[in-house]
C-alpha atoms as a PDB file:
ATOM      1  CA  GLN A   1      52.498  89.989  78.843  1.00  0.00           C
ATOM      2  CA  VAL A   2      55.537  92.572  78.695  1.00  0.00           C
ATOM      3  CA  GLN A   3      57.187  93.437  75.454  1.00  0.00           C
ATOM      4  CA  LEU A   4      60.531  95.310  75.669  1.00  0.00           C
ATOM      5  CA  VAL A   5      62.286  97.148  72.867  1.00  0.00           C
ATOM      6  CA  GLU A   6      65.814  97.927  73.047  1.00  0.00           C
ATOM      7  CA  SER A   7      68.198 100.176  71.317  1.00  0.00           C
ATOM      8  CA  GLY A   8      71.546 101.848  71.510  1.00  0.00           C
ATOM      9  CA  GLY A   9      74.061  98.955  70.685  1.00  0.00           C
ATOM     10  CA  GLY A  10      76.942  99.549  68.196  1.00  0.00           C
ATOM     11  CA  LEU A  11      80.457  99.290  67.863  1.00  0.00           C
ATOM     12  CA  VAL A  12      83.106 101.527  69.930  1.00  0.00           C
ATOM     13  CA  GLN A  13      86.519 101.780  70.562  1.00  0.00           C
ATOM     14  CA  ALA A  14      87.928 100.645  73.990  1.00  0.00           C
ATOM     15  CA  GLY A  15      87.725 103.406  76.610  1.00  0.00           C
ATOM     16  CA  GLY A  16      84.401 104.706  74.744  1.00  0.00           C
ATOM     17  CA  SER A  17      80.887 104.873  75.935  1.00  0.00           C
ATOM     18  CA  LEU A  18      77.507 103.700  74.811  1.00  0.00           C
ATOM     19  CA  ARG A  19      73.739 104.118  76.234  1.00  0.00           C
ATOM     20  CA  LEU A  20      71.355 101.295  75.723  1.00  0.00           C
ATOM     21  CA  SER A  21      67.606 101.759  76.237  1.00  0.00           C
ATOM     22  CA  CYS A  22      64.857  99.571  76.758  1.00  0.00           C
ATOM     23  CA  ALA A  23      61.157 100.663  76.645  1.00  0.00           C
ATOM     24  CA  ALA A  24      58.528  98.442  78.389  1.00  0.00           C
ATOM     25  CA  SER A  25      54.949  98.223  77.253  1.00  0.00           C
ATOM     26  CA  LYS A  26      53.910  98.396  80.875  1.00  0.00           C
ATOM     27  CA  THR A  27      54.551 101.070  83.475  1.00  0.00           C
ATOM     28  CA  ILE A  28      57.763 100.678  85.107  1.00  0.00           C
ATOM     29  CA  PHE A  29      55.776 100.808  88.533  1.00  0.00           C
ATOM     30  CA  SER A  30      53.778  97.322  87.554  1.00  0.00           C
ATOM     31  CA  LEU A  31      57.201  95.527  87.247  1.00  0.00           C
ATOM     32  CA  ASN A  32      58.810  94.172  89.988  1.00  0.00           C
ATOM     33  CA  ALA A  33      62.114  95.099  88.601  1.00  0.00           C
ATOM     34  CA  MET A  34      64.046  95.527  85.256  1.00  0.00           C
ATOM     35  CA  GLY A  35      67.722  94.917  84.145  1.00  0.00           C
ATOM     36  CA  TRP A  36      70.338  93.677  82.002  1.00  0.00           C
ATOM     37  CA  TYR A  37      72.051  90.801  81.364  1.00  0.00           C
ATOM     38  CA  ARG A  38      74.850  90.270  78.653  1.00  0.00           C
ATOM     39  CA  GLN A  39      76.051  87.074  76.528  1.00  0.00           C
ATOM     40  CA  ALA A  40      79.106  86.878  74.996  1.00  0.00           C
ATOM     41  CA  PRO A  41      79.866  84.155  72.292  1.00  0.00           C
ATOM     42  CA  GLY A  42      80.404  80.738  73.837  1.00  0.00           C
ATOM     43  CA  LYS A  43      79.505  82.104  77.325  1.00  0.00           C
ATOM     44  CA  GLN A  44      76.470  81.844  79.486  1.00  0.00           C
ATOM     45  CA  ARG A  45      74.040  84.685  79.784  1.00  0.00           C
ATOM     46  CA  GLU A  46      75.170  86.982  82.675  1.00  0.00           C
ATOM     47  CA  LEU A  47      73.572  89.549  85.038  1.00  0.00           C
ATOM     48  CA  VAL A  48      75.016  93.065  84.324  1.00  0.00           C
ATOM     49  CA  ALA A  49      72.648  95.468  86.373  1.00  0.00           C
ATOM     50  CA  THR A  50      69.221  95.429  88.073  1.00  0.00           C
ATOM     51  CA  ILE A  51      66.894  98.348  89.076  1.00  0.00           C
ATOM     52  CA  THR A  52      63.848  97.385  91.491  1.00  0.00           C
ATOM     53  CA  THR A  53      60.387  99.324  91.579  1.00  0.00           C
ATOM     54  CA  GLY A  54      61.931 101.274  94.576  1.00  0.00           C
ATOM     55  CA  GLY A  55      65.127 102.574  92.604  1.00  0.00           C
ATOM     56  CA  ARG A  56      67.309 100.242  94.198  1.00  0.00           C
ATOM     57  CA  SER A  57      70.234  99.238  91.923  1.00  0.00           C
ATOM     58  CA  ASN A  58      72.573  96.120  91.711  1.00  0.00           C
ATOM     59  CA  TYR A  59      75.442  95.704  89.611  1.00  0.00           C
ATOM     60  CA  ALA A  60      77.857  92.487  88.564  1.00  0.00           C
ATOM     61  CA  ASP A  61      81.416  93.232  90.086  1.00  0.00           C
ATOM     62  CA  PHE A  62      82.809  93.656  86.685  1.00  0.00           C
ATOM     63  CA  VAL A  63      80.625  96.713  85.570  1.00  0.00           C
ATOM     64  CA  LYS A  64      80.669  98.591  88.764  1.00  0.00           C
ATOM     65  CA  GLY A  65      82.153 102.023  88.511  1.00  0.00           C
ATOM     66  CA  ARG A  66      81.827 101.993  84.763  1.00  0.00           C
ATOM     67  CA  PHE A  67      77.847 100.973  84.247  1.00  0.00           C
ATOM     68  CA  THR A  68      75.095 102.748  85.536  1.00  0.00           C
ATOM     69  CA  ILE A  69      71.656 101.688  85.427  1.00  0.00           C
ATOM     70  CA  SER A  70      68.745 104.401  85.513  1.00  0.00           C
ATOM     71  CA  ARG A  71      65.167 104.704  84.447  1.00  0.00           C
ATOM     72  CA  ASP A  72      62.606 107.234  83.112  1.00  0.00           C
ATOM     73  CA  ASN A  73      59.343 106.573  84.823  1.00  0.00           C
ATOM     74  CA  ALA A  74      57.624 108.681  82.396  1.00  0.00           C
ATOM     75  CA  THR A  75      58.473 106.925  79.379  1.00  0.00           C
ATOM     76  CA  ASN A  76      58.802 103.221  80.969  1.00  0.00           C
ATOM     77  CA  THR A  77      62.372 103.124  79.903  1.00  0.00           C
ATOM     78  CA  VAL A  78      65.381 101.852  81.579  1.00  0.00           C
ATOM     79  CA  TYR A  79      68.815 102.821  80.514  1.00  0.00           C
ATOM     80  CA  LEU A  80      72.194 101.343  80.763  1.00  0.00           C
ATOM     81  CA  GLN A  81      75.090 103.862  80.447  1.00  0.00           C
ATOM     82  CA  MET A  82      78.432 102.192  79.872  1.00  0.00           C
ATOM     83  CA  ASN A  83      81.745 103.925  80.298  1.00  0.00           C
ATOM     84  CA  SER A  84      85.493 102.926  80.138  1.00  0.00           C
ATOM     85  CA  LEU A  85      84.102  99.906  78.030  1.00  0.00           C
ATOM     86  CA  LYS A  86      86.504  97.224  77.471  1.00  0.00           C
ATOM     87  CA  PRO A  87      86.825  94.709  74.541  1.00  0.00           C
ATOM     88  CA  GLU A  88      85.821  92.064  77.315  1.00  0.00           C
ATOM     89  CA  ASP A  89      82.196  93.734  77.224  1.00  0.00           C
ATOM     90  CA  THR A  90      81.664  92.405  73.950  1.00  0.00           C
ATOM     91  CA  ALA A  91      78.125  90.680  73.757  1.00  0.00           C
ATOM     92  CA  VAL A  92      74.445  90.902  72.973  1.00  0.00           C
ATOM     93  CA  TYR A  93      72.732  92.742  75.874  1.00  0.00           C
ATOM     94  CA  TYR A  94      69.099  91.581  76.758  1.00  0.00           C
ATOM     95  CA  CYS A  95      66.579  93.660  78.627  1.00  0.00           C
ATOM     96  CA  ILE A  96      64.746  91.684  81.557  1.00  0.00           C
ATOM     97  CA  ALA A  97      61.896  92.853  83.236  1.00  0.00           C
ATOM     98  CA  VAL A  98      59.958  90.872  85.883  1.00  0.00           C
ATOM     99  CA  TYR A  99      56.129  91.151  85.982  1.00  0.00           C
ATOM    100  CA  ARG A 100      53.853  88.875  88.415  1.00  0.00           C
ATOM    101  CA  GLY A 101      56.700  86.099  89.042  1.00  0.00           C
ATOM    102  CA  TYR A 102      57.363  86.054  85.023  1.00  0.00           C
ATOM    103  CA  ASP A 103      60.667  87.287  83.296  1.00  0.00           C
ATOM    104  CA  TYR A 104      60.365  88.984  79.850  1.00  0.00           C
ATOM    105  CA  TRP A 105      63.044  89.293  77.636  1.00  0.00           C
ATOM    106  CA  GLY A 106      64.041  92.148  75.149  1.00  0.00           C
ATOM    107  CA  GLN A 107      65.344  90.838  71.648  1.00  0.00           C
ATOM    108  CA  GLY A 108      68.887  91.801  72.703  1.00  0.00           C
ATOM    109  CA  THR A 109      71.322  94.387  71.025  1.00  0.00           C
ATOM    110  CA  GLN A 110      74.882  93.805  70.078  1.00  0.00           C
ATOM    111  CA  VAL A 111      77.600  95.760  71.912  1.00  0.00           C
ATOM    112  CA  THR A 112      81.019  95.366  70.223  1.00  0.00           C
ATOM    113  CA  VAL A 113      84.177  97.203  71.794  1.00  0.00           C
ATOM    114  CA  SER A 114      87.433  97.063  69.796  1.00  0.00           C
ATOM    115  CA  SER A 115      90.839  97.375  70.990  1.00  0.00           C
END
């Protein structure tokens, strides 16, 4: 089992920035990958960014150049730095960890971008 605790969501104006954090209960090096998904009202959950144990990152096209995923190995925390936010980025953002073939999800954190 992996517990994930997210923080950092909130309300921001368009063009602003937020940083999301996700602290894992297991060492990052024991996880296959970690990442972020988001779900807007009435839409399906979609991938935002992932980072593997080896440090390789992957981004959805709609966030490339604006969002950066990173990790702190000492605290088993993954971050999502979100810059140049747009109203269409408004969603609940979920942290995900892959461990021994299973997906574990955080509780979600709301990000609201006003125009």
